Amino acid sequence: MIFTSSSDKLNKFCGEITQNSNYVAIDTEFVRINTYFPELCLLQLAYKKNNDKNIIVLDVFKKKINYEPFIDILKNKKITKVLHAGRQDCEIFLNLFSFLPQNIFDTQVAAMVCGIGDQESYENLAMNFLNVKIDKTYQYMDWSKRPLSKSQINYAANDVFYLCDIYEKQKELLKKLNRNDWIKEENQKLTKKNTYDHNLASIYKKIRFNKTSTNKNLIYELLDIREKIAKKFNLPRNQVIKDVNLINLIKKLPQKFEDFENIPLFSKNELKDIYAKKIYIIIESFLKKDKIKNSVIKETNEKLLEIIDLLKIMLKFKCNEYKIPTRLIASNQDLEDLVLNENYNIPALKGWRFDVFGKEAIGLKNGEIAIYIGKQGLDLIKLKK
């Protein structure tokens, strides 16, 4: 194992990867305390040659590193980039290099495709596939602090040491399950820039507030503008607008701009000067919505709830059949969109998901398929026209 901050050693190591391996295990250690975007502290790489693992742990924090050899690796489609829960790693590379790695294999995603848990940790996968217990002592440490101890460096190295073996085991299992097309489709998402747009649905779930169908769109709009401000100034979202202040605003819904100005909202006065009017316009627009129209939508939604509930039952049934988590195929929002949206432009109705779930879900919605209780439990039956 090499621990270094030398660009020359990185260059040499990347050359060895290209010559000796068709994949490289990659991990990063970063901090994200006072910034919106993660700040890279360590870069760890590993490859195997003749069953021996070669590892470099590169100290990049506040160092001037020539990343070109590593960038060449990321761009090389012949070399598989193996990551675990790699979304944040890829986001770091996108921010640093303005592009995303090609030919990615995410072991956390692969575990779901193989039917092994839902968002399994690296620690669990090491135990599941290798029967190895990993020490997670430094899981939540501040990686920007220097100097690093030998045990901290070894901890970082282990994050790619076992990743090589997990990847090889998963490849074997995927082939056995005949799900190589599934994992290829899932991993391609990590190579697309829109994957790294802020996920409003995920942020929305974390807001502790009495959410209703009437205020959902308003909350989404406010979360969206907060996220855009945070990105622009590279600030954590709560250093733009705290959740508690956002909730307070939604509860009060000021009718006049003068009332809005008296409600504490922005964490920094300079942001208030720039964005207060824009936020109020969102509130004002929400208040002007046609109440009759909202009541009609609510009534329509209530009539469709039974169909959505049936789709949830079918989703669980199909996922149990394939031994995969439901979230891998469809979210609750996907099911709502399936019922309400006629263009069917949702992930659950594309690719392998369509074969596993989507085709029969459309049949259920259209009254062509029914769910019944058979001798072996729930089953599906095609209805005669």
Protein backbone atom coordinates (compact mmCIF):
# COMPACT_ATOMS: atom_id res chain seq x y z
CA MET A 1 0.00 0.00 0.00
CA ILE A 2 1.29 3.45 -0.96
CA PHE A 3 0.37 6.55 1.02
CA THR A 4 1.45 9.69 -0.78
CA SER A 5 0.64 13.20 -2.01
CA SER A 6 2.90 12.82 -5.05
CA SER A 7 1.49 13.40 -8.54
CA ASP A 8 4.34 11.31 -9.95
CA LYS A 9 3.35 8.29 -7.86
CA LEU A 10 -0.29 8.73 -8.90
CA ASN A 11 0.84 8.83 -12.53
CA LYS A 12 2.87 5.63 -12.14
CA PHE A 13 0.03 3.84 -10.32
CA CYS A 14 -2.53 4.78 -12.98
CA GLY A 15 -0.16 3.49 -15.66
CA GLU A 16 0.04 0.16 -13.84
CA ILE A 17 -3.77 -0.04 -13.71
CA THR A 18 -4.01 0.46 -17.47
CA GLN A 19 -1.39 -2.21 -18.13
CA ASN A 20 -2.53 -4.85 -15.65
CA SER A 21 -6.26 -4.65 -14.94
CA ASN A 22 -9.67 -4.22 -16.57
CA TYR A 23 -11.12 -2.67 -13.42
CA VAL A 24 -10.12 -0.33 -10.59
CA ALA A 25 -11.72 0.01 -7.16
CA ILE A 26 -12.24 3.66 -6.18
CA ASP A 27 -13.22 5.37 -2.95
CA THR A 28 -12.96 8.89 -1.53
CA GLU A 29 -12.91 10.49 1.88
CA PHE A 30 -14.34 13.99 2.02
CA VAL A 31 -15.81 16.68 4.27
CA ARG A 32 -19.10 18.50 3.76
CA ILE A 33 -19.49 20.68 6.84
CA ASN A 34 -19.54 24.31 5.73
CA THR A 35 -20.05 23.78 2.00
CA TYR A 36 -22.79 22.51 -0.29
CA PHE A 37 -20.36 20.54 -2.44
CA PRO A 38 -18.13 17.88 -0.82
CA GLU A 39 -14.43 18.73 -0.45
CA LEU A 40 -12.12 15.87 -1.39
CA CYS A 41 -9.55 14.84 1.27
CA LEU A 42 -8.32 11.39 0.21
CA LEU A 43 -8.49 9.38 -3.00
CA GLN A 44 -8.08 5.60 -2.74
CA LEU A 45 -7.48 3.29 -5.72
CA ALA A 46 -6.90 -0.46 -5.91
CA TYR A 47 -6.38 -3.08 -8.62
CA LYS A 48 -5.38 -6.74 -8.71
CA LYS A 49 -2.44 -8.32 -10.52
CA ASN A 50 -1.92 -12.08 -10.23
CA ASN A 51 -4.40 -12.05 -7.30
CA ASP A 52 -2.23 -9.52 -5.43
CA LYS A 53 -3.85 -6.19 -4.55
CA ASN A 54 -2.08 -2.92 -5.17
CA ILE A 55 -3.39 0.16 -3.36
CA ILE A 56 -2.64 3.86 -3.34
CA VAL A 57 -4.05 6.31 -0.80
CA LEU A 58 -3.54 9.81 -2.13
CA ASP A 59 -3.60 12.79 0.25
CA VAL A 60 -5.21 15.55 -1.85
CA PHE A 61 -6.49 17.92 0.82
CA LYS A 62 -5.06 21.40 0.21
CA LYS A 63 -2.49 19.77 -2.12
CA LYS A 64 -1.81 20.64 -5.75
CA ILE A 65 -2.30 17.35 -7.58
CA ASN A 66 -1.97 16.62 -11.29
CA TYR A 67 -5.10 14.52 -11.82
CA GLU A 68 -4.63 13.95 -15.56
CA PRO A 69 -3.52 10.27 -15.25
CA PHE A 70 -6.53 9.57 -13.00
CA ILE A 71 -8.84 11.46 -15.36
CA ASP A 72 -7.61 9.23 -18.19
CA ILE A 73 -8.60 6.20 -16.11
CA LEU A 74 -12.07 7.65 -15.46
CA LYS A 75 -12.59 8.29 -19.17
CA ASN A 76 -11.31 4.87 -20.24
CA LYS A 77 -14.40 2.80 -21.09
CA LYS A 78 -12.35 -0.42 -21.14
CA ILE A 79 -11.63 -0.10 -17.42
CA THR A 80 -14.55 -0.67 -15.05
CA LYS A 81 -14.70 1.82 -12.20
CA VAL A 82 -15.87 -0.08 -9.10
CA LEU A 83 -17.49 2.04 -6.38
CA HIS A 84 -19.66 1.43 -3.36
CA ALA A 85 -22.62 3.83 -2.99
CA GLY A 86 -20.73 5.87 -5.55
CA ARG A 87 -23.12 8.76 -6.10
CA GLN A 88 -21.17 11.15 -3.86
CA ASP A 89 -17.84 9.99 -5.27
CA CYS A 90 -19.09 10.69 -8.79
CA GLU A 91 -20.47 14.04 -7.67
CA ILE A 92 -16.98 14.96 -6.43
CA PHE A 93 -15.46 14.01 -9.78
CA LEU A 94 -18.14 15.97 -11.62
CA ASN A 95 -17.39 19.09 -9.57
CA LEU A 96 -13.60 18.67 -9.85
CA PHE A 97 -13.31 17.63 -13.49
CA SER A 98 -16.65 18.73 -15.05
CA PHE A 99 -17.36 15.21 -16.33
CA LEU A 100 -18.43 11.82 -14.98
CA PRO A 101 -16.60 8.47 -14.99
CA GLN A 102 -17.60 5.99 -17.71
CA ASN A 103 -18.25 2.27 -17.25
CA ILE A 104 -19.21 2.33 -13.56
CA PHE A 105 -20.09 -0.64 -11.36
CA ASP A 106 -21.70 0.23 -8.00
CA THR A 107 -21.57 -2.64 -5.51
CA GLN A 108 -24.44 -1.25 -3.42
CA VAL A 109 -26.68 -1.12 -6.49
CA ALA A 110 -25.49 -4.57 -7.55
CA ALA A 111 -26.43 -5.94 -4.13
CA MET A 112 -30.02 -4.73 -4.62
CA VAL A 113 -30.14 -6.21 -8.13
CA CYS A 114 -28.87 -9.52 -6.70
CA GLY A 115 -31.62 -9.43 -4.06
CA ILE A 116 -29.24 -8.76 -1.16
CA GLY A 117 -30.82 -6.11 1.04
CA ASP A 118 -31.73 -2.50 0.36
CA GLN A 119 -28.86 0.03 0.32
CA GLU A 120 -26.49 -2.40 2.03
CA SER A 121 -23.38 -0.93 3.66
CA TYR A 122 -19.84 -1.80 2.57
CA GLU A 123 -19.40 -3.45 5.97
CA ASN A 124 -22.42 -5.72 5.40
CA LEU A 125 -21.30 -6.67 1.90
CA ALA A 126 -17.84 -7.59 3.15
CA MET A 127 -19.42 -9.88 5.72
CA ASN A 128 -22.00 -11.26 3.28
CA PHE A 129 -19.63 -12.05 0.39
CA LEU A 130 -16.27 -12.49 2.12
CA ASN A 131 -17.11 -13.29 5.75
CA VAL A 132 -14.86 -10.38 6.76
CA LYS A 133 -15.67 -7.98 9.59
CA ILE A 134 -14.59 -4.42 8.83
CA ASP A 135 -13.58 -1.95 11.54
CA LYS A 136 -15.69 1.21 11.11
CA THR A 137 -13.99 3.22 13.88
CA TYR A 138 -13.23 6.16 11.59
CA GLN A 139 -16.50 6.16 9.66
CA TYR A 140 -17.52 9.62 10.87
CA MET A 141 -14.14 11.26 11.40
CA ASP A 142 -13.16 14.67 10.00
CA TRP A 143 -10.86 13.68 7.12
CA SER A 144 -9.60 17.25 6.71
CA LYS A 145 -7.58 17.06 9.93
CA ARG A 146 -3.86 16.43 9.59
CA PRO A 147 -1.67 14.54 10.30
CA LEU A 148 -3.40 11.21 9.63
CA SER A 149 -2.47 8.27 11.83
CA LYS A 150 -1.34 4.93 10.42
CA SER A 151 -4.62 3.31 11.53
CA GLN A 152 -6.64 6.02 9.74
CA ILE A 153 -4.67 5.47 6.53
CA ASN A 154 -5.15 1.70 6.82
CA TYR A 155 -8.87 2.27 7.37
CA ALA A 156 -9.06 4.30 4.15
CA ALA A 157 -7.08 1.63 2.27
CA ASN A 158 -9.49 -1.10 3.42
CA ASP A 159 -12.34 0.75 1.71
CA VAL A 160 -10.90 -0.37 -1.64
CA PHE A 161 -9.04 -3.52 -0.51
CA TYR A 162 -12.22 -5.59 -0.09
CA LEU A 163 -14.09 -3.77 -2.86
CA CYS A 164 -12.09 -5.74 -5.44
CA ASP A 165 -13.24 -9.09 -4.02
CA ILE A 166 -16.86 -7.98 -3.54
CA TYR A 167 -16.98 -6.88 -7.17
CA GLU A 168 -15.69 -10.21 -8.44
CA LYS A 169 -18.17 -12.17 -6.30
CA GLN A 170 -21.07 -10.00 -7.45
CA LYS A 171 -20.13 -10.43 -11.10
CA GLU A 172 -20.38 -14.20 -10.65
CA LEU A 173 -23.75 -13.95 -8.91
CA LEU A 174 -25.21 -11.55 -11.52
CA LYS A 175 -24.22 -13.96 -14.27
CA LYS A 176 -25.82 -16.85 -12.38
CA LEU A 177 -29.07 -14.86 -11.92
CA ASN A 178 -29.01 -13.69 -15.55
CA ARG A 179 -29.27 -10.06 -14.45
CA ASN A 180 -26.28 -8.51 -16.22
CA ASP A 181 -28.62 -6.36 -18.31
CA TRP A 182 -30.27 -5.11 -15.12
CA ILE A 183 -27.04 -3.96 -13.52
CA LYS A 184 -25.79 -2.40 -16.73
CA GLU A 185 -28.96 -0.30 -16.97
CA GLU A 186 -28.76 0.75 -13.31
CA ASN A 187 -25.08 1.70 -13.43
CA GLN A 188 -25.56 3.80 -16.58
CA LYS A 189 -27.59 6.24 -14.47
CA LEU A 190 -24.44 7.15 -12.55
CA THR A 191 -22.82 8.34 -15.80
CA LYS A 192 -25.56 10.90 -16.53
CA LYS A 193 -25.34 14.46 -15.23
CA ASN A 194 -29.05 14.79 -14.44
CA THR A 195 -28.62 12.04 -11.83
CA TYR A 196 -26.77 14.61 -9.73
CA ASP A 197 -29.48 17.26 -9.85
CA HIS A 198 -30.82 17.79 -6.35
CA ASN A 199 -33.43 15.19 -5.43
CA LEU A 200 -36.43 17.17 -4.20
CA ALA A 201 -38.40 14.05 -3.31
CA SER A 202 -35.64 12.91 -0.94
CA ILE A 203 -35.29 16.37 0.64
CA TYR A 204 -39.08 16.65 0.94
CA LYS A 205 -39.24 13.42 2.96
CA LYS A 206 -36.85 14.87 5.55
CA ILE A 207 -39.02 17.93 6.26
CA ARG A 208 -40.83 17.27 9.55
CA PHE A 209 -44.15 18.91 8.85
CA ASN A 210 -47.83 18.13 8.29
CA LYS A 211 -47.70 17.73 4.52
CA THR A 212 -50.91 17.72 2.51
CA SER A 213 -51.78 17.41 -1.18
CA THR A 214 -52.48 21.16 -1.21
CA ASN A 215 -49.14 22.34 0.21
CA LYS A 216 -46.92 19.73 -1.47
CA ASN A 217 -46.23 21.79 -4.60
CA LEU A 218 -45.47 24.88 -2.51
CA ILE A 219 -42.97 22.98 -0.35
CA TYR A 220 -41.33 21.58 -3.49
CA GLU A 221 -40.94 25.07 -4.99
CA LEU A 222 -39.44 26.48 -1.79
CA LEU A 223 -37.05 23.54 -1.42
CA ASP A 224 -36.03 23.92 -5.05
CA ILE A 225 -35.11 27.61 -4.79
CA ARG A 226 -33.27 26.98 -1.49
CA GLU A 227 -31.24 24.24 -3.18
CA LYS A 228 -30.36 26.50 -6.12
CA ILE A 229 -29.20 29.27 -3.77
CA ALA A 230 -27.12 26.79 -1.74
CA LYS A 231 -25.43 25.53 -4.92
CA LYS A 232 -24.74 29.03 -6.22
CA PHE A 233 -23.00 30.14 -3.01
CA ASN A 234 -21.64 26.66 -2.07
CA LEU A 235 -23.37 26.75 1.32
CA PRO A 236 -25.11 23.98 3.28
CA ARG A 237 -28.86 24.33 2.77
CA ASN A 238 -29.45 25.18 6.44
CA GLN A 239 -27.03 28.09 6.10
CA VAL A 240 -29.41 29.44 3.47
CA ILE A 241 -32.78 28.70 5.10
CA LYS A 242 -33.17 26.44 8.13
CA ASP A 243 -35.86 23.77 7.96
CA VAL A 244 -37.61 25.23 11.01
CA ASN A 245 -37.84 28.65 9.34
CA LEU A 246 -39.15 27.11 6.14
CA ILE A 247 -41.85 25.25 8.09
CA ASN A 248 -42.76 28.42 9.97
CA LEU A 249 -43.22 30.27 6.67
CA ILE A 250 -45.51 27.54 5.29
CA LYS A 251 -47.60 27.61 8.47
CA LYS A 252 -48.08 31.38 8.40
CA LEU A 253 -48.40 31.94 4.62
CA PRO A 254 -48.27 35.77 4.77
CA GLN A 255 -50.85 37.59 2.65
CA LYS A 256 -48.76 40.73 2.21
CA PHE A 257 -45.07 41.33 1.53
CA GLU A 258 -44.84 43.48 4.67
CA ASP A 259 -45.95 40.49 6.76
CA PHE A 260 -43.50 38.24 4.91
CA GLU A 261 -40.58 40.53 5.73
CA ASN A 262 -41.28 40.16 9.46
CA ILE A 263 -40.98 36.37 9.36
CA PRO A 264 -37.42 35.10 10.09
CA LEU A 265 -36.33 33.08 7.07
CA PHE A 266 -32.83 33.53 5.66
CA SER A 267 -29.78 32.59 7.71
CA LYS A 268 -27.77 35.43 6.12
CA ASN A 269 -29.06 38.97 5.64
CA GLU A 270 -27.31 39.36 2.29
CA LEU A 271 -29.38 36.46 0.94
CA LYS A 272 -32.56 38.12 2.17
CA ASP A 273 -31.71 41.25 0.21
CA ILE A 274 -31.33 39.24 -3.00
CA TYR A 275 -34.02 36.57 -2.73
CA ALA A 276 -36.81 37.79 -0.42
CA LYS A 277 -38.97 39.07 -3.27
CA LYS A 278 -38.55 35.85 -5.28
CA ILE A 279 -39.64 33.75 -2.32
CA TYR A 280 -42.68 35.93 -1.70
CA ILE A 281 -43.73 35.68 -5.36
CA ILE A 282 -43.83 31.88 -4.92
CA ILE A 283 -46.06 32.30 -1.84
CA GLU A 284 -48.27 34.82 -3.63
CA SER A 285 -48.71 32.56 -6.64
CA PHE A 286 -49.66 29.66 -4.40
CA LEU A 287 -52.30 31.73 -2.59
CA LYS A 288 -53.92 32.75 -5.90
CA LYS A 289 -54.54 29.19 -7.05
CA ASP A 290 -58.11 28.25 -7.89
CA LYS A 291 -59.59 26.59 -4.78
CA ILE A 292 -62.31 24.93 -6.84
CA LYS A 293 -59.70 23.40 -9.11
CA ASN A 294 -57.79 22.10 -6.10
CA SER A 295 -60.93 20.52 -4.67
CA VAL A 296 -61.64 18.79 -8.01
CA ILE A 297 -58.08 17.44 -8.10
CA LYS A 298 -58.43 16.20 -4.53
CA GLU A 299 -61.71 14.46 -5.37
CA THR A 300 -60.15 12.85 -8.44
CA ASN A 301 -57.16 11.69 -6.42
CA GLU A 302 -59.42 10.09 -3.83
CA LYS A 303 -61.13 8.06 -6.55
CA LEU A 304 -57.77 6.80 -7.76
CA LEU A 305 -56.39 5.83 -4.35
CA GLU A 306 -57.78 2.31 -4.63
CA ILE A 307 -55.93 1.77 -7.93
CA ILE A 308 -52.69 3.06 -6.39
CA ASP A 309 -53.16 0.71 -3.43
CA LEU A 310 -53.60 -2.22 -5.82
CA LEU A 311 -50.44 -1.23 -7.66
CA LYS A 312 -48.55 -1.18 -4.34
CA ILE A 313 -49.75 -4.73 -3.66
CA MET A 314 -48.66 -5.83 -7.14
CA LEU A 315 -45.28 -4.12 -6.71
CA LYS A 316 -44.64 -5.93 -3.44
CA PHE A 317 -45.78 -9.21 -5.00
CA LYS A 318 -43.43 -8.87 -7.98
CA CYS A 319 -40.48 -7.79 -5.82
CA ASN A 320 -40.98 -10.76 -3.52
CA GLU A 321 -40.93 -13.00 -6.61
CA TYR A 322 -37.54 -11.60 -7.69
CA LYS A 323 -36.29 -11.06 -4.12
CA ILE A 324 -35.46 -7.38 -4.66
CA PRO A 325 -36.46 -4.23 -2.71
CA THR A 326 -39.52 -2.35 -4.01
CA ARG A 327 -37.59 0.92 -4.28
CA LEU A 328 -35.41 -0.61 -6.98
CA ILE A 329 -38.41 -0.81 -9.31
CA ALA A 330 -40.76 2.04 -8.35
CA SER A 331 -41.40 4.73 -5.77
CA ASN A 332 -44.82 5.76 -4.48
CA GLN A 333 -44.53 8.81 -6.74
CA ASP A 334 -43.94 6.51 -9.74
CA LEU A 335 -47.15 4.64 -8.93
CA GLU A 336 -49.09 7.89 -8.64
CA ASP A 337 -47.67 9.05 -11.97
CA LEU A 338 -48.63 5.72 -13.55
CA VAL A 339 -52.25 6.31 -12.55
CA LEU A 340 -52.45 10.05 -13.26
CA ASN A 341 -50.13 10.46 -16.25
CA GLU A 342 -51.03 8.96 -19.60
CA ASN A 343 -47.61 9.35 -21.26
CA TYR A 344 -46.05 6.71 -18.97
CA ASN A 345 -42.67 8.50 -18.94
CA ILE A 346 -41.51 6.95 -15.67
CA PRO A 347 -38.59 4.60 -14.87
CA ALA A 348 -40.91 1.79 -13.73
CA LEU A 349 -42.14 1.42 -17.31
CA LYS A 350 -38.77 1.26 -19.04
CA GLY A 351 -36.08 -1.36 -19.63
CA TRP A 352 -35.96 -4.40 -17.38
CA ARG A 353 -38.49 -2.83 -15.00
CA PHE A 354 -41.14 -2.95 -17.72
CA ASP A 355 -40.59 -6.69 -18.15
CA VAL A 356 -40.63 -7.37 -14.41
CA PHE A 357 -43.42 -5.00 -13.33
CA GLY A 358 -44.52 -2.30 -15.78
CA LYS A 359 -46.32 -4.36 -18.39
CA GLU A 360 -48.56 -6.05 -15.83
CA ALA A 361 -49.01 -2.79 -13.88
CA ILE A 362 -50.52 -1.17 -16.98
CA GLY A 363 -52.70 -4.25 -17.41
CA LEU A 364 -53.94 -3.92 -13.83
CA LYS A 365 -54.70 -0.21 -14.31
CA ASN A 366 -56.59 -0.92 -17.54
CA GLY A 367 -58.66 -3.73 -16.02
CA GLU A 368 -56.94 -6.44 -18.06
CA ILE A 369 -55.30 -8.15 -15.07
CA ALA A 370 -56.63 -8.93 -11.59
CA ILE A 371 -54.98 -9.87 -8.31
CA TYR A 372 -56.43 -12.88 -6.54
CA ILE A 373 -55.62 -15.19 -3.67
CA GLY A 374 -54.60 -18.61 -4.92
CA LYS A 375 -53.45 -21.75 -3.13
CA GLN A 376 -49.87 -20.43 -2.95
CA GLY A 377 -50.92 -16.91 -1.89
CA LEU A 378 -51.35 -13.84 -4.11
CA ASP A 379 -51.27 -14.33 -7.87
CA LEU A 380 -52.21 -12.53 -11.08
CA ILE A 381 -54.78 -13.58 -13.65
CA LYS A 382 -55.57 -12.19 -17.10
CA LEU A 383 -59.20 -11.21 -17.49
CA LYS A 384 -61.21 -12.22 -20.53
CA LYS A 385 -62.30 -9.34 -22.76
